[in-house]
């Protein structure tokens, strides 16, 4: 049963990818005589951008469904697939269409050894890196060494002479425009990947918890409830007993004050039993919240790790974008952010914040707070963080922004 469902899922995903490849091929045949879609001066920039957006839409559809096809094939347990010939034929057409839009991998070149007699300062590596856009799934080669180090110094005469010669080159403006376009593409990719790294695990965690684990575990609890399982969480058990005791006391007080008529012992026992059953069901659901959160958090973490693994090259652009953005701030803003972050995590008031965060994590996973473990964490982890941060300030920030380090030391004094 399960194997047949995976097989149908695999065929549906392949069919959608196949239809996307056919639609992409129709665009090529209709407007470019079967050639890849590219900028055409006769059509103009607007028409070319429109056709390119349609191509990116189809490529996104193809890659998304191919990933589903691979996942379902990995989960499926078959030895002799009757649809193998059909699958190979469709995959062949899909590969023929999308292969035109893949950038070839750059072949590494061996640089000649530098001259021993004349020491020349090494420049930043200009080897191109293929970056994949997370939305369109289209690859593009972006030079990583051009304008990446905003703190490059032209202290030596040779570097300054090379810069002057470059500025006198008639193609200098075109080179600058190309570099600015490359920088803009890198910023776009970095922002998209930052959004994906935050949004995708969060969406996976919320959807799987509310749509998968909560209905399954609640159905299991409703099918075979066991009052002994509530004792596993002392906090919920204590709250359950406290609410039941309050209800019982309020019922007796209402009878003594004449607010409600005197109840027969059987009626009173029935009301108490109904209230205990309601509290028991609610306590059972809350006891299972920890398991729901654990399973959902594991899937969210797995999606984050998968994004990091698939976007290893894109994360280089993200790291450089963050570094470039931080170094582009003025010194006062840098120091303000540094002091704000350090005071939150390793300052004098951070123990109270860590206590709140760790207590929330215990409740999130349905555990009883262990104050000994919390105090041990607060006594060790912030100390390591403070040591690492000081090492980062004097190792990295001293070289990249010495004036910021001077302001930071003055403010600490």
Protein backbone atom coordinates (compact mmCIF):
# COMPACT_ATOMS: atom_id res chain seq x y z
CA UNK A 1 0.00 0.00 0.00
CA UNK A 2 2.68 2.47 1.06
CA UNK A 3 4.95 1.41 -1.79
CA UNK A 4 2.18 2.02 -4.33
CA UNK A 5 1.56 5.48 -2.90
CA UNK A 6 5.26 6.36 -3.27
CA UNK A 7 5.17 5.06 -6.85
CA UNK A 8 2.21 7.26 -7.73
CA UNK A 9 3.86 10.24 -6.06
CA UNK A 10 7.02 9.62 -8.08
CA UNK A 11 5.13 9.40 -11.39
CA UNK A 12 3.12 12.56 -10.63
CA UNK A 13 6.26 14.54 -9.81
CA UNK A 14 8.00 13.29 -12.96
CA UNK A 15 4.98 14.16 -15.10
CA UNK A 16 4.90 17.73 -13.74
CA UNK A 17 8.63 18.14 -14.41
CA UNK A 18 8.13 16.69 -17.89
CA UNK A 19 5.32 19.15 -18.66
CA UNK A 20 7.52 22.01 -17.46
CA UNK A 21 10.31 20.87 -19.80
CA UNK A 22 7.85 20.73 -22.72
CA UNK A 23 6.61 24.25 -21.93
CA UNK A 24 10.19 25.51 -21.78
CA UNK A 25 11.01 23.85 -25.11
CA UNK A 26 7.95 25.47 -26.69
CA UNK A 27 9.24 28.90 -25.66
CA UNK A 28 12.63 28.11 -27.22
CA UNK A 29 11.07 26.81 -30.46
CA UNK A 30 8.64 29.72 -30.77
CA UNK A 31 10.93 32.66 -30.09
CA UNK A 32 14.55 31.44 -30.40
CA UNK A 33 14.45 28.63 -33.01
CA UNK A 34 15.25 25.96 -30.45
CA UNK A 35 18.16 27.87 -28.90
CA UNK A 36 18.36 28.74 -25.18
CA UNK A 37 16.41 31.80 -24.10
CA UNK A 38 18.73 34.80 -23.88
CA UNK A 39 18.72 38.55 -24.37
CA UNK A 40 17.74 39.59 -27.89
CA UNK A 41 18.40 43.16 -29.00
CA UNK A 42 15.65 42.99 -31.60
CA UNK A 43 12.99 42.10 -29.03
CA UNK A 44 14.16 44.68 -26.51
CA UNK A 45 14.89 44.53 -22.81
CA UNK A 46 11.27 44.36 -21.63
CA UNK A 47 10.30 41.40 -23.84
CA UNK A 48 13.52 39.58 -23.03
CA UNK A 49 12.96 40.04 -19.29
CA UNK A 50 9.42 38.71 -19.63
CA UNK A 51 10.54 35.60 -21.51
CA UNK A 52 13.38 35.10 -19.04
CA UNK A 53 10.91 35.23 -16.13
CA UNK A 54 8.81 32.54 -17.83
CA UNK A 55 11.92 30.43 -18.27
CA UNK A 56 12.88 30.82 -14.60
CA UNK A 57 9.33 29.88 -13.60
CA UNK A 58 9.50 26.67 -15.62
CA UNK A 59 13.00 25.87 -14.34
CA UNK A 60 11.79 26.30 -10.76
CA UNK A 61 8.88 23.98 -11.46
CA UNK A 62 11.17 21.38 -13.06
CA UNK A 63 13.76 21.42 -10.25
CA UNK A 64 11.11 21.30 -7.52
CA UNK A 65 9.36 18.30 -9.04
CA UNK A 66 12.66 16.55 -9.80
CA UNK A 67 13.58 16.84 -6.12
CA UNK A 68 10.24 15.24 -5.23
CA UNK A 69 10.94 12.52 -7.81
CA UNK A 70 14.32 11.78 -6.24
CA UNK A 71 12.91 11.77 -2.70
CA UNK A 72 10.04 9.43 -3.57
CA UNK A 73 12.44 7.13 -5.44
CA UNK A 74 14.70 6.97 -2.41
CA UNK A 75 11.78 6.10 -0.13
CA UNK A 76 10.31 3.58 -2.56
CA UNK A 77 11.36 -0.04 -2.24
CA UNK A 78 11.15 -1.60 -5.73
CA UNK A 79 13.40 -3.83 -7.76
CA UNK A 80 11.56 -4.16 -11.08
CA UNK A 81 9.71 -0.99 -12.00
CA UNK A 82 7.24 -1.51 -14.89
CA UNK A 83 7.42 2.21 -15.70
CA UNK A 84 11.22 2.29 -16.01
CA UNK A 85 11.33 2.85 -19.79
CA UNK A 86 8.81 5.69 -19.58
CA UNK A 87 10.72 7.28 -16.70
CA UNK A 88 14.04 7.12 -18.57
CA UNK A 89 12.50 8.64 -21.70
CA UNK A 90 11.01 11.57 -19.80
CA UNK A 91 14.19 12.13 -17.81
CA UNK A 92 16.16 12.19 -21.05
CA UNK A 93 13.97 14.95 -22.48
CA UNK A 94 14.10 16.92 -19.23
CA UNK A 95 17.90 16.68 -19.11
CA UNK A 96 18.19 17.76 -22.75
CA UNK A 97 16.15 20.90 -22.04
CA UNK A 98 17.59 22.01 -18.71
CA UNK A 99 21.21 21.16 -19.59
CA UNK A 100 21.34 24.32 -21.72
CA UNK A 101 20.82 26.47 -18.63
CA UNK A 102 23.53 24.91 -16.50
CA UNK A 103 26.80 26.74 -16.23
CA UNK A 104 29.87 24.54 -16.76
CA UNK A 105 32.04 23.92 -13.76
CA UNK A 106 35.17 26.09 -13.91
CA UNK A 107 38.37 24.13 -14.36
CA UNK A 108 40.99 25.12 -11.80
CA UNK A 109 44.14 26.58 -13.24
CA UNK A 110 47.56 26.18 -11.67
CA UNK A 111 49.06 29.57 -11.00
CA UNK A 112 52.76 29.98 -11.76
CA UNK A 113 54.96 30.21 -8.68
CA UNK A 114 55.83 33.75 -7.64
CA UNK A 115 59.30 35.11 -8.18
CA UNK A 116 61.53 34.62 -5.19
CA UNK A 117 63.63 37.74 -5.63
CA UNK A 118 60.76 40.22 -5.80
CA UNK A 119 58.09 39.84 -3.12
CA UNK A 120 54.73 40.86 -4.52
CA UNK A 121 51.71 41.24 -2.24
CA UNK A 122 49.12 38.58 -2.91
CA UNK A 123 45.77 39.73 -4.18
CA UNK A 124 42.40 38.24 -3.41
CA UNK A 125 41.48 35.16 -5.35
CA UNK A 126 39.44 35.89 -8.46
CA UNK A 127 38.37 32.33 -9.17
CA UNK A 128 34.68 32.35 -10.17
CA UNK A 129 32.17 30.40 -8.16
CA UNK A 130 28.90 29.04 -9.50
CA UNK A 131 26.04 30.38 -7.41
CA UNK A 132 22.50 28.99 -7.64
CA UNK A 133 19.58 31.32 -7.11
CA UNK A 134 17.30 29.69 -4.49
CA UNK A 135 14.13 30.98 -6.16
CA UNK A 136 14.74 30.45 -9.86
CA UNK A 137 17.25 27.58 -9.39
CA UNK A 138 19.27 29.07 -12.25
CA UNK A 139 23.04 29.00 -12.00
CA UNK A 140 25.32 31.93 -12.70
CA UNK A 141 29.06 32.50 -12.42
CA UNK A 142 29.93 35.34 -10.06
CA UNK A 143 33.52 36.53 -9.67
CA UNK A 144 34.33 36.27 -6.00
CA UNK A 145 37.55 38.19 -5.96
CA UNK A 146 36.40 41.45 -7.52
CA UNK A 147 35.60 44.18 -5.01
CA UNK A 148 35.14 41.67 -2.20
CA UNK A 149 37.60 43.16 0.24
CA UNK A 150 36.41 46.68 0.93
CA UNK A 151 39.45 47.32 3.10
CA UNK A 152 42.06 46.72 0.40
CA UNK A 153 44.94 49.06 0.90
CA UNK A 154 46.95 50.62 -1.89
CA UNK A 155 49.93 51.30 0.31
CA UNK A 156 52.59 50.00 -2.01
CA UNK A 157 53.69 51.79 -5.12
CA UNK A 158 53.01 48.82 -7.37
CA UNK A 159 49.42 48.51 -6.23
CA UNK A 160 48.81 52.22 -6.66
CA UNK A 161 50.38 52.21 -10.11
CA UNK A 162 48.23 49.28 -11.15
CA UNK A 163 45.12 51.08 -9.92
CA UNK A 164 45.99 54.25 -11.85
CA UNK A 165 46.65 52.22 -15.00
CA UNK A 166 43.31 50.51 -14.58
CA UNK A 167 41.47 53.82 -14.18
CA UNK A 168 43.09 55.15 -17.36
CA UNK A 169 41.89 52.13 -19.31
CA UNK A 170 39.09 53.08 -21.78
CA UNK A 171 37.06 50.09 -20.57
CA UNK A 172 37.28 51.10 -16.92
CA UNK A 173 33.65 52.31 -16.77
CA UNK A 174 32.38 49.07 -18.31
CA UNK A 175 34.43 47.09 -15.81
CA UNK A 176 32.97 49.07 -12.93
CA UNK A 177 29.43 48.55 -14.24
CA UNK A 178 30.03 44.80 -14.50
CA UNK A 179 31.40 44.70 -10.98
CA UNK A 180 28.44 46.64 -9.63
CA UNK A 181 26.04 44.27 -11.37
CA UNK A 182 27.91 41.31 -9.94
CA UNK A 183 27.74 42.88 -6.47
CA UNK A 184 24.01 43.46 -6.83
CA UNK A 185 23.45 39.83 -7.85
CA UNK A 186 25.42 38.68 -4.83
CA UNK A 187 23.35 40.89 -2.53
CA UNK A 188 20.10 39.54 -3.99
CA UNK A 189 21.21 35.94 -3.57
CA UNK A 190 22.47 36.59 -0.03
CA UNK A 191 19.21 38.20 1.09
CA UNK A 192 17.14 35.40 -0.46
CA UNK A 193 19.21 32.72 1.25
CA UNK A 194 19.04 34.52 4.59
CA UNK A 195 15.25 34.57 4.27
CA UNK A 196 15.19 30.90 3.29
CA UNK A 197 17.44 29.87 6.20
CA UNK A 198 15.04 31.54 8.63
CA UNK A 199 11.65 30.97 6.99
CA UNK A 200 11.92 27.37 5.76
CA UNK A 201 12.81 25.68 9.11
CA UNK A 202 10.18 27.81 10.87
CA UNK A 203 7.48 26.88 8.34
CA UNK A 204 8.47 23.21 8.48
CA UNK A 205 8.33 23.21 12.28
CA UNK A 206 4.93 24.90 12.47
CA UNK A 207 3.24 22.93 9.70
CA UNK A 208 4.51 19.51 10.78
CA UNK A 209 3.56 20.12 14.40
CA UNK A 210 0.05 21.36 13.68
CA UNK A 211 -0.80 19.21 10.66
CA UNK A 212 1.03 15.92 11.34
CA UNK A 213 2.16 15.30 14.90
CA UNK A 214 -0.66 17.03 16.78
CA UNK A 215 -3.50 15.07 15.07
CA UNK A 216 -1.57 11.77 15.33
CA UNK A 217 -0.62 12.07 18.99
CA UNK A 218 -4.00 13.49 20.02
CA UNK A 219 -5.75 10.61 18.25
CA UNK A 220 -3.47 8.15 20.07
CA UNK A 221 -4.28 9.79 23.39
CA UNK A 222 -8.03 9.76 22.74
CA UNK A 223 -7.90 6.09 21.78
CA UNK A 224 -6.15 4.84 24.90
CA UNK A 225 -5.85 7.51 27.63
CA UNK A 226 -3.85 6.50 30.67
CA UNK A 227 -4.00 8.67 33.82
CA UNK A 228 -0.60 7.40 34.99
CA UNK A 229 1.13 9.12 32.05
CA UNK A 230 0.26 12.57 33.41
CA UNK A 231 2.59 12.01 36.34
CA UNK A 232 5.51 12.14 33.87
CA UNK A 233 5.29 15.93 34.01
CA UNK A 234 5.17 17.12 37.60
CA UNK A 235 4.31 20.71 36.67
CA UNK A 236 1.22 19.71 34.67
CA UNK A 237 0.19 17.22 37.34
CA UNK A 238 0.43 19.86 40.05
CA UNK A 239 -1.56 22.35 37.99
CA UNK A 240 -4.19 19.66 37.31
CA UNK A 241 -4.60 18.95 41.03
CA UNK A 242 -4.69 22.66 41.87
CA UNK A 243 -7.50 23.38 39.40
CA UNK A 244 -9.50 20.38 40.57
CA UNK A 245 -9.11 21.45 44.20
CA UNK A 246 -10.27 24.99 43.34
CA UNK A 247 -13.33 23.65 41.54
CA UNK A 248 -14.20 21.41 44.48
CA UNK A 249 -13.80 24.25 47.00
CA UNK A 250 -15.86 26.68 44.90
CA UNK A 251 -18.64 24.12 44.63
CA UNK A 252 -18.76 23.67 48.42
CA UNK A 253 -18.64 27.43 49.09
CA UNK A 254 -21.51 28.01 46.65
CA UNK A 255 -23.60 25.46 48.51
CA UNK A 256 -22.79 26.95 51.93
CA UNK A 257 -23.68 30.49 50.80
CA UNK A 258 -26.91 29.32 49.21
CA UNK A 259 -25.87 30.37 45.71
CA UNK A 260 -26.62 26.90 44.43
CA UNK A 261 -29.09 24.43 45.97
CA UNK A 262 -27.79 21.58 48.05
CA UNK A 263 -26.73 18.74 45.84
CA UNK A 264 -27.20 15.09 46.53
CA UNK A 265 -23.98 13.17 47.12
CA UNK A 266 -24.48 11.29 43.84
CA UNK A 267 -24.99 14.54 41.85
CA UNK A 268 -22.00 16.18 43.52
CA UNK A 269 -19.82 13.18 42.78
CA UNK A 270 -20.99 13.22 39.14
CA UNK A 271 -20.06 16.90 38.73
CA UNK A 272 -16.65 16.28 40.25
CA UNK A 273 -16.12 13.30 37.97
CA UNK A 274 -16.99 15.35 34.85
CA UNK A 275 -14.62 18.13 35.89
CA UNK A 276 -11.84 15.62 36.64
CA UNK A 277 -12.37 14.03 33.21
CA UNK A 278 -12.10 17.41 31.46
CA UNK A 279 -8.94 18.33 33.35
CA UNK A 280 -7.52 14.87 32.72
CA UNK A 281 -8.02 15.22 28.95
CA UNK A 282 -6.51 18.70 28.92
CA UNK A 283 -3.53 17.56 31.01
CA UNK A 284 -3.00 14.64 28.64
CA UNK A 285 -2.89 16.94 25.61
CA UNK A 286 -0.41 19.23 27.35
CA UNK A 287 1.75 16.27 28.33
CA UNK A 288 2.06 15.32 24.65
CA UNK A 289 3.02 18.88 23.64
CA UNK A 290 6.65 18.14 24.47
CA UNK A 291 6.76 15.19 22.07
CA UNK A 292 5.06 17.23 19.36
CA UNK A 293 7.61 20.01 19.74
CA UNK A 294 10.56 17.58 19.76
CA UNK A 295 9.52 15.84 16.53
CA UNK A 296 8.67 19.11 14.80
CA UNK A 297 11.92 20.75 15.92
CA UNK A 298 13.93 17.80 14.61
CA UNK A 299 12.31 18.13 11.20
CA UNK A 300 12.92 21.89 11.23
CA UNK A 301 16.57 21.29 12.13
CA UNK A 302 16.85 18.69 9.35
CA UNK A 303 15.48 21.17 6.82
CA UNK A 304 18.01 23.79 8.00
CA UNK A 305 20.90 21.31 7.71
CA UNK A 306 19.69 20.32 4.24
CA UNK A 307 19.60 23.97 3.14
CA UNK A 308 23.11 24.53 4.49
CA UNK A 309 24.39 21.43 2.68
CA UNK A 310 22.73 22.28 -0.63
CA UNK A 311 23.73 25.94 -0.46
CA UNK A 312 27.36 25.63 0.56
CA UNK A 313 28.56 27.93 -2.22
CA UNK A 314 25.70 30.37 -1.66
CA UNK A 315 26.62 30.61 2.02
CA UNK A 316 30.00 32.01 0.95
CA UNK A 317 28.11 34.93 -0.60
CA UNK A 318 25.95 35.25 2.53
CA UNK A 319 29.00 35.39 4.79
CA UNK A 320 30.68 38.00 2.60
CA UNK A 321 27.47 40.02 2.43
CA UNK A 322 27.18 40.08 6.23
CA UNK A 323 30.85 40.99 6.62
CA UNK A 324 30.59 43.72 4.00
CA UNK A 325 27.43 45.13 5.58
CA UNK A 326 28.98 45.19 9.06
CA UNK A 327 32.21 46.80 7.85
CA UNK A 328 30.18 49.37 5.91
CA UNK A 329 28.68 50.75 9.12
CA UNK A 330 30.26 53.70 10.84
CA UNK A 331 32.35 53.13 13.95
CA UNK A 332 29.70 54.37 16.40
CA UNK A 333 27.06 52.00 15.00
CA UNK A 334 29.48 49.07 15.15
CA UNK A 335 30.32 49.69 18.78
CA UNK A 336 26.65 50.19 19.68
CA UNK A 337 25.73 46.81 18.16
CA UNK A 338 28.72 45.08 19.79
CA UNK A 339 27.94 46.44 23.27
CA UNK A 340 24.21 45.68 22.88
CA UNK A 341 24.84 42.05 21.90
CA UNK A 342 27.49 41.45 24.55
CA UNK A 343 25.37 42.96 27.33
CA UNK A 344 22.45 40.75 26.32
CA UNK A 345 24.39 37.48 26.32
CA UNK A 346 27.49 37.95 28.51
CA UNK A 347 26.74 41.10 30.49
CA UNK A 348 25.78 41.69 34.08
CA UNK A 349 22.07 41.22 33.40
CA UNK A 350 22.43 38.18 31.13
CA UNK A 351 21.93 35.48 33.86
CA UNK A 352 18.28 36.50 34.29
CA UNK A 353 17.78 36.36 30.53
CA UNK A 354 19.45 32.95 30.25
CA UNK A 355 17.27 31.70 33.11
CA UNK A 356 14.11 32.77 31.27
CA UNK A 357 15.27 31.28 27.94
CA UNK A 358 16.35 27.94 29.41
CA UNK A 359 13.18 27.67 31.47
CA UNK A 360 11.16 28.28 28.32
CA UNK A 361 13.09 25.55 26.52
CA UNK A 362 12.36 23.07 29.33
CA UNK A 363 8.65 23.86 29.10
CA UNK A 364 8.79 23.72 25.31
CA UNK A 365 10.04 20.14 25.41
CA UNK A 366 7.68 19.14 28.21
CA UNK A 367 10.39 18.68 30.84
CA UNK A 368 10.61 19.69 34.47
CA UNK A 369 13.02 22.56 35.06
CA UNK A 370 16.38 21.43 36.41
CA UNK A 371 17.80 24.44 38.21
CA UNK A 372 21.14 22.74 38.80
CA UNK A 373 21.65 22.24 35.05
CA UNK A 374 20.48 25.80 34.34
CA UNK A 375 22.91 27.30 36.86
CA UNK A 376 25.76 25.15 35.51
CA UNK A 377 24.99 26.33 31.97
CA UNK A 378 24.89 29.99 33.04
CA UNK A 379 28.19 29.60 34.91
CA UNK A 380 30.09 28.12 31.94
CA UNK A 381 28.61 28.95 28.52
CA UNK A 382 28.56 32.78 28.82
CA UNK A 383 32.19 32.63 29.99
CA UNK A 384 33.22 30.75 26.86
CA UNK A 385 31.17 33.16 24.74
CA UNK A 386 32.85 36.16 26.38
CA UNK A 387 36.32 34.68 25.75
CA UNK A 388 35.51 33.92 22.12
CA UNK A 389 34.07 37.39 21.58
CA UNK A 390 37.13 39.11 23.01
CA UNK A 391 39.34 36.95 20.80
CA UNK A 392 37.23 37.93 17.76
CA UNK A 393 37.44 41.64 18.62
CA UNK A 394 41.22 41.67 18.95
CA UNK A 395 41.91 39.22 16.13
CA UNK A 396 39.47 40.26 13.40
CA UNK A 397 38.18 43.71 14.27
CA UNK A 398 41.68 45.03 15.02
CA UNK A 399 42.75 44.34 11.44
CA UNK A 400 39.55 45.41 9.72
CA UNK A 401 38.53 48.45 11.80
CA UNK A 402 41.20 49.66 14.28
CA UNK A 403 39.28 52.84 15.13
CA UNK A 404 36.29 50.76 16.27
CA UNK A 405 38.53 48.81 18.65
CA UNK A 406 39.84 52.07 20.12
CA UNK A 407 36.31 53.35 20.73
CA UNK A 408 35.32 49.99 22.24
CA UNK A 409 38.25 50.06 24.68
CA UNK A 410 37.50 53.64 25.71
CA UNK A 411 33.85 52.83 26.38
CA UNK A 412 34.79 49.76 28.44
CA UNK A 413 37.12 51.91 30.54
